[in-house]
Amino acid sequence: MPKLRRAVAWFVDFALVVALASALAVLTFHRISALVTDVPELATRGGLDLLTSRGDMLEASQDLGLSLWNKSVLYVEQAFGLLVLTVFLYQWACLALAGRTVGKALVGLKVSPRLGRRAVRRAAVTTAADVAVYAVACVLLVEGQVVLSVLVWAVAVVLFLLNALPVLSPGRRSLADRVAGTAVSGVGFSTPVATPLVRTS
């Protein structure tokens, strides 16, 4: 069942993405926690802001809060950027060097032909459909652009479906396959060829 094997391969590769995203989320949480709990730095900064604000404590506290928020948002954006870059490099390196990702290797699938530019195009489309556009939607949400975030999220869902649904067609070529000019085929699952019986006298 080639369709089932491709689905399993995708789930394995996506599980690796989820594991990476979880690790980045923990790292980002610790970075933000360290930023907020660094009391000496906050006290020094708050005191300097208070001195330079000519006694306007409200403005000083707003500036400090805004600075903390901006840094926290920056840490979140860096995590999403690193996630997208790592997924792209994973897809590209696996396809360019081995012709398959970890998921495809586990179920006996390979991508061919295995050429550098084809691998880059296929990795770019796969990364965009699986991670990148969703990451942009999340960043927009963190930035407070709720309506734009919802629109980009809808685009992400459509792009994912455009990439995944063609696999169910007879040609079984995803959008990434079509853009890159590649195809996914089985390895080591060929049916044995019947050999004619030879009579011995």
N, C-alpha and C. Protein backbone atom coordinates (compact mmCIF):
# COMPACT_ATOMS: atom_id res chain seq x y z
N MET A 1 0.85 -1.20 0.00
CA MET A 1 0.00 0.00 0.00
C MET A 1 0.89 1.25 0.00
N PRO A 2 1.23 1.76 -1.20
CA PRO A 2 2.12 2.93 -1.28
C PRO A 2 1.57 4.15 -0.57
N LYS A 3 0.25 4.36 -0.64
CA LYS A 3 -0.34 5.54 0.00
C LYS A 3 -0.17 5.46 1.52
N LEU A 4 -0.37 4.27 2.07
CA LEU A 4 -0.22 4.09 3.51
C LEU A 4 1.23 4.30 3.92
N ARG A 5 2.16 3.79 3.10
CA ARG A 5 3.58 3.96 3.43
C ARG A 5 3.98 5.43 3.39
N ARG A 6 3.45 6.18 2.44
CA ARG A 6 3.77 7.61 2.38
C ARG A 6 3.19 8.34 3.59
N ALA A 7 1.99 7.93 4.02
CA ALA A 7 1.39 8.55 5.20
C ALA A 7 2.23 8.26 6.44
N VAL A 8 2.68 7.02 6.58
CA VAL A 8 3.52 6.66 7.73
C VAL A 8 4.83 7.43 7.69
N ALA A 9 5.43 7.55 6.50
CA ALA A 9 6.68 8.30 6.36
C ALA A 9 6.49 9.75 6.78
N TRP A 10 5.37 10.34 6.37
CA TRP A 10 5.10 11.74 6.73
C TRP A 10 4.96 11.87 8.25
N PHE A 11 4.24 10.94 8.88
CA PHE A 11 4.04 11.01 10.33
C PHE A 11 5.37 10.88 11.08
N VAL A 12 6.25 10.02 10.59
CA VAL A 12 7.56 9.87 11.24
C VAL A 12 8.36 11.16 11.12
N ASP A 13 8.41 11.72 9.91
CA ASP A 13 9.14 12.98 9.71
C ASP A 13 8.52 14.12 10.50
N PHE A 14 7.18 14.14 10.56
CA PHE A 14 6.52 15.22 11.30
C PHE A 14 6.73 15.05 12.80
N ALA A 15 6.85 13.80 13.26
CA ALA A 15 7.15 13.56 14.68
C ALA A 15 8.51 14.15 15.04
N LEU A 16 9.46 14.07 14.11
CA LEU A 16 10.78 14.68 14.34
C LEU A 16 10.65 16.20 14.42
N VAL A 17 9.78 16.78 13.57
CA VAL A 17 9.55 18.22 13.61
C VAL A 17 8.92 18.62 14.94
N VAL A 18 7.95 17.84 15.40
CA VAL A 18 7.29 18.13 16.68
C VAL A 18 8.29 18.05 17.83
N ALA A 19 9.19 17.05 17.77
CA ALA A 19 10.21 16.92 18.82
C ALA A 19 11.12 18.14 18.83
N LEU A 20 11.53 18.59 17.64
CA LEU A 20 12.37 19.78 17.54
C LEU A 20 11.62 21.01 18.05
N ALA A 21 10.36 21.16 17.64
CA ALA A 21 9.55 22.31 18.07
C ALA A 21 9.39 22.31 19.59
N SER A 22 9.22 21.12 20.18
CA SER A 22 9.09 21.03 21.64
C SER A 22 10.37 21.46 22.34
N ALA A 23 11.51 21.02 21.80
CA ALA A 23 12.80 21.41 22.38
C ALA A 23 13.01 22.92 22.29
N LEU A 24 12.64 23.50 21.14
CA LEU A 24 12.78 24.95 20.96
C LEU A 24 11.82 25.70 21.88
N ALA A 25 10.62 25.14 22.10
CA ALA A 25 9.66 25.78 23.01
C ALA A 25 10.19 25.81 24.44
N VAL A 26 10.80 24.71 24.88
CA VAL A 26 11.39 24.66 26.22
C VAL A 26 12.53 25.66 26.34
N LEU A 27 13.39 25.69 25.31
CA LEU A 27 14.52 26.63 25.31
C LEU A 27 14.03 28.08 25.36
N THR A 28 13.01 28.39 24.56
CA THR A 28 12.47 29.75 24.52
C THR A 28 11.82 30.12 25.85
N PHE A 29 11.12 29.16 26.46
CA PHE A 29 10.51 29.41 27.76
C PHE A 29 11.57 29.76 28.80
N HIS A 30 12.68 29.02 28.77
CA HIS A 30 13.76 29.29 29.73
C HIS A 30 14.42 30.64 29.46
N ARG A 31 14.56 30.99 28.18
CA ARG A 31 15.15 32.30 27.84
C ARG A 31 14.26 33.44 28.35
N ILE A 32 12.95 33.29 28.15
CA ILE A 32 12.02 34.35 28.61
C ILE A 32 11.97 34.39 30.13
N SER A 33 11.98 33.20 30.77
CA SER A 33 11.97 33.15 32.24
C SER A 33 13.21 33.82 32.81
N ALA A 34 14.37 33.55 32.20
CA ALA A 34 15.61 34.17 32.66
C ALA A 34 15.55 35.69 32.50
N LEU A 35 14.91 36.13 31.41
CA LEU A 35 14.78 37.56 31.16
C LEU A 35 13.91 38.23 32.22
N VAL A 36 12.81 37.59 32.57
CA VAL A 36 11.86 38.17 33.52
C VAL A 36 12.37 38.07 34.96
N THR A 37 13.08 37.00 35.28
CA THR A 37 13.51 36.77 36.67
C THR A 37 14.88 37.36 36.98
N ASP A 38 15.50 38.03 36.02
CA ASP A 38 16.80 38.66 36.28
C ASP A 38 16.57 39.96 37.06
N VAL A 39 16.34 39.81 38.37
CA VAL A 39 15.94 40.93 39.22
C VAL A 39 16.98 42.06 39.26
N PRO A 40 18.28 41.77 39.45
CA PRO A 40 19.25 42.87 39.50
C PRO A 40 19.25 43.72 38.23
N GLU A 41 19.20 43.05 37.07
CA GLU A 41 19.19 43.81 35.81
C GLU A 41 17.92 44.64 35.70
N LEU A 42 16.77 44.04 36.08
CA LEU A 42 15.50 44.78 36.03
C LEU A 42 15.52 45.97 36.98
N ALA A 43 16.08 45.76 38.18
CA ALA A 43 16.13 46.86 39.15
C ALA A 43 17.01 47.99 38.65
N THR A 44 18.17 47.64 38.09
CA THR A 44 19.08 48.66 37.56
C THR A 44 18.44 49.40 36.41
N ARG A 45 17.84 48.63 35.50
CA ARG A 45 17.22 49.26 34.33
C ARG A 45 16.04 50.13 34.74
N GLY A 46 15.23 49.60 35.71
CA GLY A 46 14.09 50.38 36.18
C GLY A 46 14.53 51.67 36.85
N GLY A 47 15.63 51.59 37.63
CA GLY A 47 16.14 52.80 38.28
C GLY A 47 16.64 53.82 37.29
N LEU A 48 17.35 53.35 36.26
CA LEU A 48 17.85 54.27 35.23
C LEU A 48 16.70 54.91 34.46
N ASP A 49 15.69 54.08 34.13
CA ASP A 49 14.53 54.63 33.41
C ASP A 49 13.81 55.67 34.26
N LEU A 50 13.74 55.41 35.58
CA LEU A 50 13.06 56.35 36.47
C LEU A 50 13.82 57.67 36.56
N LEU A 51 15.17 57.59 36.61
CA LEU A 51 15.98 58.81 36.68
C LEU A 51 15.86 59.64 35.41
N THR A 52 15.84 58.95 34.27
CA THR A 52 15.79 59.68 33.00
C THR A 52 14.37 60.11 32.63
N SER A 53 13.36 59.64 33.38
CA SER A 53 11.98 60.01 33.05
C SER A 53 11.51 61.25 33.79
N ARG A 54 12.40 61.85 34.58
CA ARG A 54 12.06 63.06 35.35
C ARG A 54 10.88 62.82 36.29
N GLY A 55 10.88 61.67 36.92
CA GLY A 55 9.87 61.37 37.92
C GLY A 55 8.59 60.77 37.39
N ASP A 56 8.50 60.57 36.07
CA ASP A 56 7.29 59.98 35.49
C ASP A 56 7.38 58.46 35.64
N MET A 57 6.92 57.94 36.78
CA MET A 57 7.03 56.52 37.08
C MET A 57 6.19 55.66 36.14
N LEU A 58 5.04 56.17 35.72
CA LEU A 58 4.18 55.41 34.82
C LEU A 58 4.88 55.18 33.48
N GLU A 59 5.48 56.24 32.96
CA GLU A 59 6.18 56.11 31.68
C GLU A 59 7.36 55.18 31.80
N ALA A 60 8.10 55.27 32.93
CA ALA A 60 9.26 54.40 33.14
C ALA A 60 8.85 52.94 33.19
N SER A 61 7.77 52.65 33.91
CA SER A 61 7.31 51.26 34.02
C SER A 61 6.77 50.74 32.69
N GLN A 62 6.12 51.62 31.92
CA GLN A 62 5.62 51.22 30.60
C GLN A 62 6.78 50.90 29.66
N ASP A 63 7.82 51.73 29.71
CA ASP A 63 8.99 51.48 28.86
C ASP A 63 9.66 50.16 29.21
N LEU A 64 9.78 49.89 30.51
CA LEU A 64 10.40 48.64 30.95
C LEU A 64 9.56 47.44 30.52
N GLY A 65 8.24 47.54 30.72
CA GLY A 65 7.35 46.45 30.31
C GLY A 65 7.38 46.21 28.82
N LEU A 66 7.41 47.29 28.04
CA LEU A 66 7.46 47.17 26.58
C LEU A 66 8.77 46.54 26.13
N SER A 67 9.86 46.91 26.79
CA SER A 67 11.16 46.33 26.45
C SER A 67 11.17 44.83 26.71
N LEU A 68 10.62 44.42 27.85
CA LEU A 68 10.55 42.99 28.17
C LEU A 68 9.67 42.25 27.16
N TRP A 69 8.55 42.83 26.80
CA TRP A 69 7.65 42.21 25.83
C TRP A 69 8.33 42.07 24.47
N ASN A 70 9.01 43.12 24.02
CA ASN A 70 9.68 43.08 22.72
C ASN A 70 10.76 42.00 22.69
N LYS A 71 11.51 41.88 23.78
CA LYS A 71 12.54 40.84 23.83
C LYS A 71 11.91 39.46 23.82
N SER A 72 10.81 39.29 24.56
CA SER A 72 10.13 38.00 24.59
C SER A 72 9.62 37.61 23.21
N VAL A 73 9.02 38.58 22.52
CA VAL A 73 8.53 38.33 21.15
C VAL A 73 9.70 37.97 20.23
N LEU A 74 10.81 38.67 20.39
CA LEU A 74 12.00 38.37 19.57
C LEU A 74 12.47 36.95 19.80
N TYR A 75 12.47 36.48 21.05
CA TYR A 75 12.89 35.11 21.35
C TYR A 75 11.96 34.10 20.68
N VAL A 76 10.65 34.39 20.70
CA VAL A 76 9.68 33.50 20.05
C VAL A 76 9.91 33.47 18.55
N GLU A 77 10.12 34.63 17.95
CA GLU A 77 10.36 34.71 16.51
C GLU A 77 11.65 33.98 16.13
N GLN A 78 12.69 34.10 16.96
CA GLN A 78 13.93 33.39 16.69
C GLN A 78 13.72 31.88 16.72
N ALA A 79 12.90 31.42 17.66
CA ALA A 79 12.62 29.98 17.76
C ALA A 79 11.90 29.48 16.51
N PHE A 80 10.90 30.23 16.04
CA PHE A 80 10.19 29.83 14.82
C PHE A 80 11.12 29.87 13.61
N GLY A 81 11.97 30.89 13.53
CA GLY A 81 12.91 30.97 12.42
C GLY A 81 13.88 29.80 12.41
N LEU A 82 14.38 29.43 13.60
CA LEU A 82 15.29 28.29 13.70
C LEU A 82 14.58 26.99 13.35
N LEU A 83 13.31 26.87 13.73
CA LEU A 83 12.54 25.67 13.39
C LEU A 83 12.41 25.51 11.88
N VAL A 84 12.03 26.59 11.20
CA VAL A 84 11.85 26.54 9.74
C VAL A 84 13.18 26.22 9.06
N LEU A 85 14.25 26.88 9.48
CA LEU A 85 15.56 26.66 8.87
C LEU A 85 16.02 25.22 9.08
N THR A 86 15.83 24.69 10.27
CA THR A 86 16.28 23.33 10.57
C THR A 86 15.48 22.30 9.78
N VAL A 87 14.17 22.50 9.65
CA VAL A 87 13.35 21.57 8.87
C VAL A 87 13.77 21.60 7.41
N PHE A 88 14.02 22.80 6.87
CA PHE A 88 14.47 22.89 5.48
C PHE A 88 15.80 22.17 5.29
N LEU A 89 16.76 22.40 6.18
CA LEU A 89 18.07 21.77 6.06
C LEU A 89 17.96 20.25 6.20
N TYR A 90 17.07 19.79 7.10
CA TYR A 90 16.85 18.35 7.25
C TYR A 90 16.31 17.74 5.95
N GLN A 91 15.27 18.37 5.39
CA GLN A 91 14.69 17.86 4.15
C GLN A 91 15.71 17.88 3.01
N TRP A 92 16.39 19.01 2.87
CA TRP A 92 17.35 19.16 1.77
C TRP A 92 18.51 18.18 1.90
N ALA A 93 19.12 18.10 3.09
CA ALA A 93 20.28 17.22 3.27
C ALA A 93 19.91 15.76 3.06
N CYS A 94 18.78 15.33 3.60
CA CYS A 94 18.36 13.94 3.43
C CYS A 94 18.10 13.60 1.97
N LEU A 95 17.42 14.51 1.26
CA LEU A 95 17.10 14.24 -0.14
C LEU A 95 18.33 14.31 -1.03
N ALA A 96 19.19 15.29 -0.77
CA ALA A 96 20.38 15.46 -1.62
C ALA A 96 21.40 14.34 -1.39
N LEU A 97 21.55 13.89 -0.16
CA LEU A 97 22.58 12.90 0.16
C LEU A 97 22.09 11.46 0.04
N ALA A 98 20.85 11.20 0.47
CA ALA A 98 20.37 9.82 0.50
C ALA A 98 19.15 9.57 -0.37
N GLY A 99 18.50 10.64 -0.84
CA GLY A 99 17.31 10.46 -1.65
C GLY A 99 16.08 10.09 -0.84
N ARG A 100 16.16 10.24 0.47
CA ARG A 100 15.03 9.90 1.33
C ARG A 100 15.22 10.54 2.71
N THR A 101 14.12 10.83 3.35
CA THR A 101 14.16 11.30 4.73
C THR A 101 14.15 10.09 5.65
N VAL A 102 14.25 10.32 6.95
CA VAL A 102 14.22 9.20 7.91
C VAL A 102 12.91 8.43 7.79
N GLY A 103 11.80 9.17 7.69
CA GLY A 103 10.50 8.51 7.57
C GLY A 103 10.40 7.64 6.32
N LYS A 104 10.85 8.17 5.19
CA LYS A 104 10.79 7.40 3.95
C LYS A 104 11.72 6.18 4.01
N ALA A 105 12.88 6.36 4.63
CA ALA A 105 13.81 5.23 4.75
C ALA A 105 13.21 4.10 5.57
N LEU A 106 12.48 4.44 6.63
CA LEU A 106 11.90 3.42 7.51
C LEU A 106 10.83 2.58 6.82
N VAL A 107 10.15 3.18 5.84
CA VAL A 107 9.08 2.42 5.15
C VAL A 107 9.49 2.00 3.74
N GLY A 108 10.76 2.19 3.40
CA GLY A 108 11.26 1.70 2.12
C GLY A 108 10.87 2.54 0.92
N LEU A 109 10.87 3.87 1.08
CA LEU A 109 10.57 4.77 -0.04
C LEU A 109 11.79 5.62 -0.36
N LYS A 110 11.88 6.07 -1.60
CA LYS A 110 12.95 6.98 -1.98
C LYS A 110 12.42 8.01 -2.97
N VAL A 111 13.10 9.15 -3.03
CA VAL A 111 12.74 10.22 -3.95
C VAL A 111 13.75 10.20 -5.09
N SER A 112 13.28 10.24 -6.31
CA SER A 112 14.19 10.26 -7.45
C SER A 112 13.64 11.20 -8.53
N PRO A 113 14.49 11.80 -9.36
CA PRO A 113 15.96 11.72 -9.28
C PRO A 113 16.49 12.56 -8.13
N ARG A 114 17.74 12.24 -7.71
CA ARG A 114 18.34 12.87 -6.55
C ARG A 114 19.36 13.91 -7.00
N LEU A 115 18.86 15.05 -7.47
CA LEU A 115 19.74 16.12 -7.93
C LEU A 115 19.66 17.30 -6.97
N GLY A 116 20.74 18.05 -6.90
CA GLY A 116 20.84 19.15 -5.94
C GLY A 116 19.73 20.16 -6.03
N ARG A 117 19.49 20.69 -7.24
CA ARG A 117 18.45 21.72 -7.38
C ARG A 117 17.06 21.17 -7.14
N ARG A 118 16.84 19.94 -7.56
CA ARG A 118 15.54 19.31 -7.32
C ARG A 118 15.33 19.13 -5.81
N ALA A 119 16.39 18.74 -5.11
CA ALA A 119 16.28 18.55 -3.66
C ALA A 119 15.96 19.88 -2.96
N VAL A 120 16.57 20.97 -3.43
CA VAL A 120 16.31 22.28 -2.83
C VAL A 120 14.85 22.67 -3.05
N ARG A 121 14.35 22.51 -4.28
CA ARG A 121 12.96 22.88 -4.57
C ARG A 121 11.98 22.02 -3.78
N ARG A 122 12.25 20.72 -3.73
CA ARG A 122 11.33 19.83 -3.00
C ARG A 122 11.35 20.13 -1.50
N ALA A 123 12.55 20.37 -0.97
CA ALA A 123 12.66 20.70 0.46
C ALA A 123 11.96 22.01 0.78
N ALA A 124 12.07 22.99 -0.13
CA ALA A 124 11.44 24.29 0.10
C ALA A 124 9.91 24.16 0.13
N VAL A 125 9.34 23.43 -0.83
CA VAL A 125 7.88 23.27 -0.87
C VAL A 125 7.39 22.47 0.34
N THR A 126 8.09 21.39 0.67
CA THR A 126 7.70 20.57 1.82
C THR A 126 7.77 21.37 3.11
N THR A 127 8.84 22.14 3.29
CA THR A 127 8.98 22.95 4.50
C THR A 127 7.89 24.01 4.58
N ALA A 128 7.60 24.65 3.45
CA ALA A 128 6.55 25.67 3.43
C ALA A 128 5.19 25.07 3.78
N ALA A 129 4.90 23.91 3.18
CA ALA A 129 3.59 23.29 3.38
C ALA A 129 3.42 22.71 4.79
N ASP A 130 4.50 22.19 5.37
CA ASP A 130 4.39 21.53 6.67
C ASP A 130 4.64 22.44 7.86
N VAL A 131 5.51 23.47 7.68
CA VAL A 131 5.94 24.24 8.85
C VAL A 131 5.95 25.75 8.63
N ALA A 132 6.57 26.22 7.55
CA ALA A 132 6.92 27.63 7.42
C ALA A 132 5.72 28.58 7.45
N VAL A 133 4.68 28.27 6.69
CA VAL A 133 3.53 29.18 6.63
C VAL A 133 2.79 29.20 7.98
N TYR A 134 2.73 28.04 8.64
CA TYR A 134 2.14 28.00 9.98
C TYR A 134 2.96 28.85 10.95
N ALA A 135 4.29 28.79 10.81
CA ALA A 135 5.17 29.58 11.68
C ALA A 135 4.92 31.07 11.49
N VAL A 136 4.75 31.49 10.23
CA VAL A 136 4.45 32.90 9.94
C VAL A 136 3.14 33.31 10.60
N ALA A 137 2.13 32.44 10.53
CA ALA A 137 0.83 32.73 11.16
C ALA A 137 0.98 32.89 12.67
N CYS A 138 1.79 32.04 13.29
CA CYS A 138 2.00 32.13 14.74
C CYS A 138 2.74 33.41 15.12
N VAL A 139 3.75 33.76 14.32
CA VAL A 139 4.50 35.00 14.59
C VAL A 139 3.58 36.21 14.47
N LEU A 140 2.73 36.22 13.45
CA LEU A 140 1.78 37.33 13.30
C LEU A 140 0.84 37.42 14.49
N LEU A 141 0.44 36.27 15.01
CA LEU A 141 -0.44 36.26 16.18
C LEU A 141 0.28 36.84 17.40
N VAL A 142 1.53 36.47 17.59
CA VAL A 142 2.32 37.02 18.70
C VAL A 142 2.50 38.52 18.55
N GLU A 143 2.63 38.96 17.30
CA GLU A 143 2.80 40.39 17.03
C GLU A 143 1.49 41.17 17.19
N GLY A 144 0.38 40.46 17.41
CA GLY A 144 -0.90 41.13 17.60
C GLY A 144 -1.70 41.32 16.33
N GLN A 145 -1.25 40.75 15.21
CA GLN A 145 -1.95 40.86 13.93
C GLN A 145 -2.92 39.67 13.79
N VAL A 146 -4.01 39.72 14.55
CA VAL A 146 -4.90 38.57 14.65
C VAL A 146 -5.58 38.24 13.32
N VAL A 147 -6.14 39.24 12.65
CA VAL A 147 -6.85 38.99 11.39
C VAL A 147 -5.90 38.44 10.33
N LEU A 148 -4.73 39.07 10.20
CA LEU A 148 -3.75 38.61 9.22
C LEU A 148 -3.25 37.21 9.57
N SER A 149 -3.12 36.94 10.85
CA SER A 149 -2.69 35.62 11.30
C SER A 149 -3.70 34.54 10.88
N VAL A 150 -4.98 34.83 11.04
CA VAL A 150 -6.03 33.87 10.65
C VAL A 150 -6.00 33.64 9.14
N LEU A 151 -5.80 34.70 8.36
CA LEU A 151 -5.74 34.57 6.90
C LEU A 151 -4.54 33.71 6.49
N VAL A 152 -3.38 33.96 7.10
CA VAL A 152 -2.19 33.18 6.77
C VAL A 152 -2.37 31.73 7.21
N TRP A 153 -3.03 31.52 8.35
CA TRP A 153 -3.33 30.17 8.81
C TRP A 153 -4.19 29.43 7.78
N ALA A 154 -5.19 30.12 7.22
CA ALA A 154 -6.03 29.51 6.18
C ALA A 154 -5.20 29.15 4.95
N VAL A 155 -4.30 30.06 4.57
CA VAL A 155 -3.40 29.77 3.44
C VAL A 155 -2.54 28.55 3.74
N ALA A 156 -2.07 28.43 4.97
CA ALA A 156 -1.25 27.29 5.37
C ALA A 156 -2.02 25.98 5.22
N VAL A 157 -3.28 25.97 5.63
CA VAL A 157 -4.10 24.76 5.52
C VAL A 157 -4.31 24.40 4.05
N VAL A 158 -4.61 25.40 3.23
CA VAL A 158 -4.81 25.14 1.79
C VAL A 158 -3.54 24.60 1.16
N LEU A 159 -2.38 25.20 1.49
CA LEU A 159 -1.11 24.75 0.94
C LEU A 159 -0.80 23.32 1.37
N PHE A 160 -1.09 23.00 2.63
CA PHE A 160 -0.88 21.64 3.11
C PHE A 160 -1.73 20.65 2.32
N LEU A 161 -3.01 20.98 2.12
CA LEU A 161 -3.90 20.09 1.38
C LEU A 161 -3.48 19.96 -0.08
N LEU A 162 -3.04 21.07 -0.69
CA LEU A 162 -2.57 21.02 -2.08
C LEU A 162 -1.35 20.12 -2.21
N ASN A 163 -0.54 20.08 -1.17
CA ASN A 163 0.66 19.24 -1.22
C ASN A 163 0.32 17.77 -0.92
N ALA A 164 -0.62 17.55 -0.01
CA ALA A 164 -0.88 16.18 0.45
C ALA A 164 -1.90 15.42 -0.40
N LEU A 165 -3.00 16.07 -0.80
CA LEU A 165 -4.09 15.35 -1.47
C LEU A 165 -3.71 14.71 -2.80
N PRO A 166 -2.84 15.34 -3.63
CA PRO A 166 -2.48 14.67 -4.90
C PRO A 166 -1.83 13.31 -4.71
N VAL A 167 -1.33 13.01 -3.51
CA VAL A 167 -0.73 11.69 -3.24
C VAL A 167 -1.79 10.60 -3.36
N LEU A 168 -3.06 10.98 -3.16
CA LEU A 168 -4.15 10.00 -3.26
C LEU A 168 -4.56 9.73 -4.70
N SER A 169 -4.09 10.55 -5.64
CA SER A 169 -4.43 10.35 -7.06
C SER A 169 -3.61 9.21 -7.63
N PRO A 170 -3.98 8.73 -8.82
CA PRO A 170 -3.24 7.60 -9.41
C PRO A 170 -1.74 7.87 -9.59
N GLY A 171 -1.39 9.12 -9.91
CA GLY A 171 0.03 9.44 -10.11
C GLY A 171 0.81 9.49 -8.81
N ARG A 172 0.12 9.71 -7.68
CA ARG A 172 0.71 9.76 -6.34
C ARG A 172 1.87 10.76 -6.25
N ARG A 173 1.76 11.90 -6.93
CA ARG A 173 2.82 12.91 -6.86
C ARG A 173 2.29 14.13 -6.12
N SER A 174 2.96 14.49 -5.04
CA SER A 174 2.56 15.65 -4.24
C SER A 174 2.92 16.93 -4.98
N LEU A 175 2.48 18.06 -4.44
CA LEU A 175 2.86 19.35 -5.02
C LEU A 175 4.36 19.51 -5.01
N ALA A 176 5.02 19.07 -3.93
CA ALA A 176 6.48 19.14 -3.86
C ALA A 176 7.12 18.32 -4.97
N ASP A 177 6.55 17.14 -5.27
CA ASP A 177 7.06 16.31 -6.37
C ASP A 177 6.92 17.02 -7.70
N ARG A 178 5.77 17.64 -7.92
CA ARG A 178 5.51 18.29 -9.20
C ARG A 178 6.41 19.51 -9.40
N VAL A 179 6.60 20.29 -8.34
CA VAL A 179 7.46 21.48 -8.44
C VAL A 179 8.91 21.08 -8.69
N ALA A 180 9.36 20.02 -8.01
CA ALA A 180 10.76 19.61 -8.12
C ALA A 180 11.01 18.66 -9.27
N GLY A 181 9.94 18.12 -9.87
CA GLY A 181 10.12 17.15 -10.95
C GLY A 181 10.62 15.81 -10.43
N THR A 182 10.14 15.42 -9.24
CA THR A 182 10.58 14.16 -8.63
C THR A 182 9.40 13.21 -8.48
N ALA A 183 9.70 11.99 -8.07
CA ALA A 183 8.67 10.99 -7.79
C ALA A 183 9.14 10.15 -6.62
N VAL A 184 8.18 9.62 -5.87
CA VAL A 184 8.50 8.75 -4.73
C VAL A 184 8.18 7.32 -5.13
N SER A 185 9.15 6.42 -4.94
CA SER A 185 8.95 5.02 -5.32
C SER A 185 9.45 4.13 -4.19
N GLY A 186 9.04 2.86 -4.26
CA GLY A 186 9.43 1.90 -3.24
C GLY A 186 10.82 1.35 -3.48
N VAL A 187 11.45 0.92 -2.40
CA VAL A 187 12.77 0.30 -2.48
C VAL A 187 12.69 -1.06 -1.81
N GLY A 188 13.10 -2.09 -2.52
CA GLY A 188 13.14 -3.41 -1.90
C GLY A 188 11.79 -4.06 -1.72
N PHE A 189 10.76 -3.54 -2.39
CA PHE A 189 9.43 -4.13 -2.26
C PHE A 189 8.92 -4.63 -3.62
N SER A 190 9.82 -4.90 -4.53
CA SER A 190 9.39 -5.34 -5.86
C SER A 190 8.91 -6.78 -5.79
N THR A 191 7.95 -7.10 -6.64
CA THR A 191 7.40 -8.46 -6.67
C THR A 191 8.36 -9.36 -7.44
N PRO A 192 8.54 -10.56 -6.99
CA PRO A 192 9.47 -11.45 -7.69
C PRO A 192 8.96 -11.80 -9.08
N VAL A 193 9.88 -11.91 -10.01
CA VAL A 193 9.53 -12.25 -11.39
C VAL A 193 9.50 -13.76 -11.51
N ALA A 194 8.43 -14.26 -12.09
CA ALA A 194 8.30 -15.71 -12.25
C ALA A 194 9.28 -16.21 -13.30
N THR A 195 10.00 -17.27 -12.98
CA THR A 195 10.94 -17.83 -13.95
C THR A 195 10.37 -19.13 -14.50
N PRO A 196 10.53 -19.35 -15.79
CA PRO A 196 9.95 -20.56 -16.39
C PRO A 196 10.66 -21.81 -15.87
N LEU A 197 9.89 -22.90 -15.73
CA LEU A 197 10.48 -24.16 -15.29
C LEU A 197 11.29 -24.76 -16.43
N VAL A 198 12.46 -25.27 -16.10
CA VAL A 198 13.32 -25.89 -17.11
C VAL A 198 13.32 -27.40 -16.85
N ARG A 199 12.96 -28.13 -17.87
CA ARG A 199 12.91 -29.57 -17.72
C ARG A 199 14.34 -30.14 -17.83
N THR A 200 14.63 -31.00 -16.93
CA THR A 200 15.93 -31.69 -17.00
C THR A 200 15.68 -33.12 -17.45
N SER A 201 16.49 -33.57 -18.33
CA SER A 201 16.29 -34.92 -18.85
C SER A 201 17.17 -35.90 -18.10
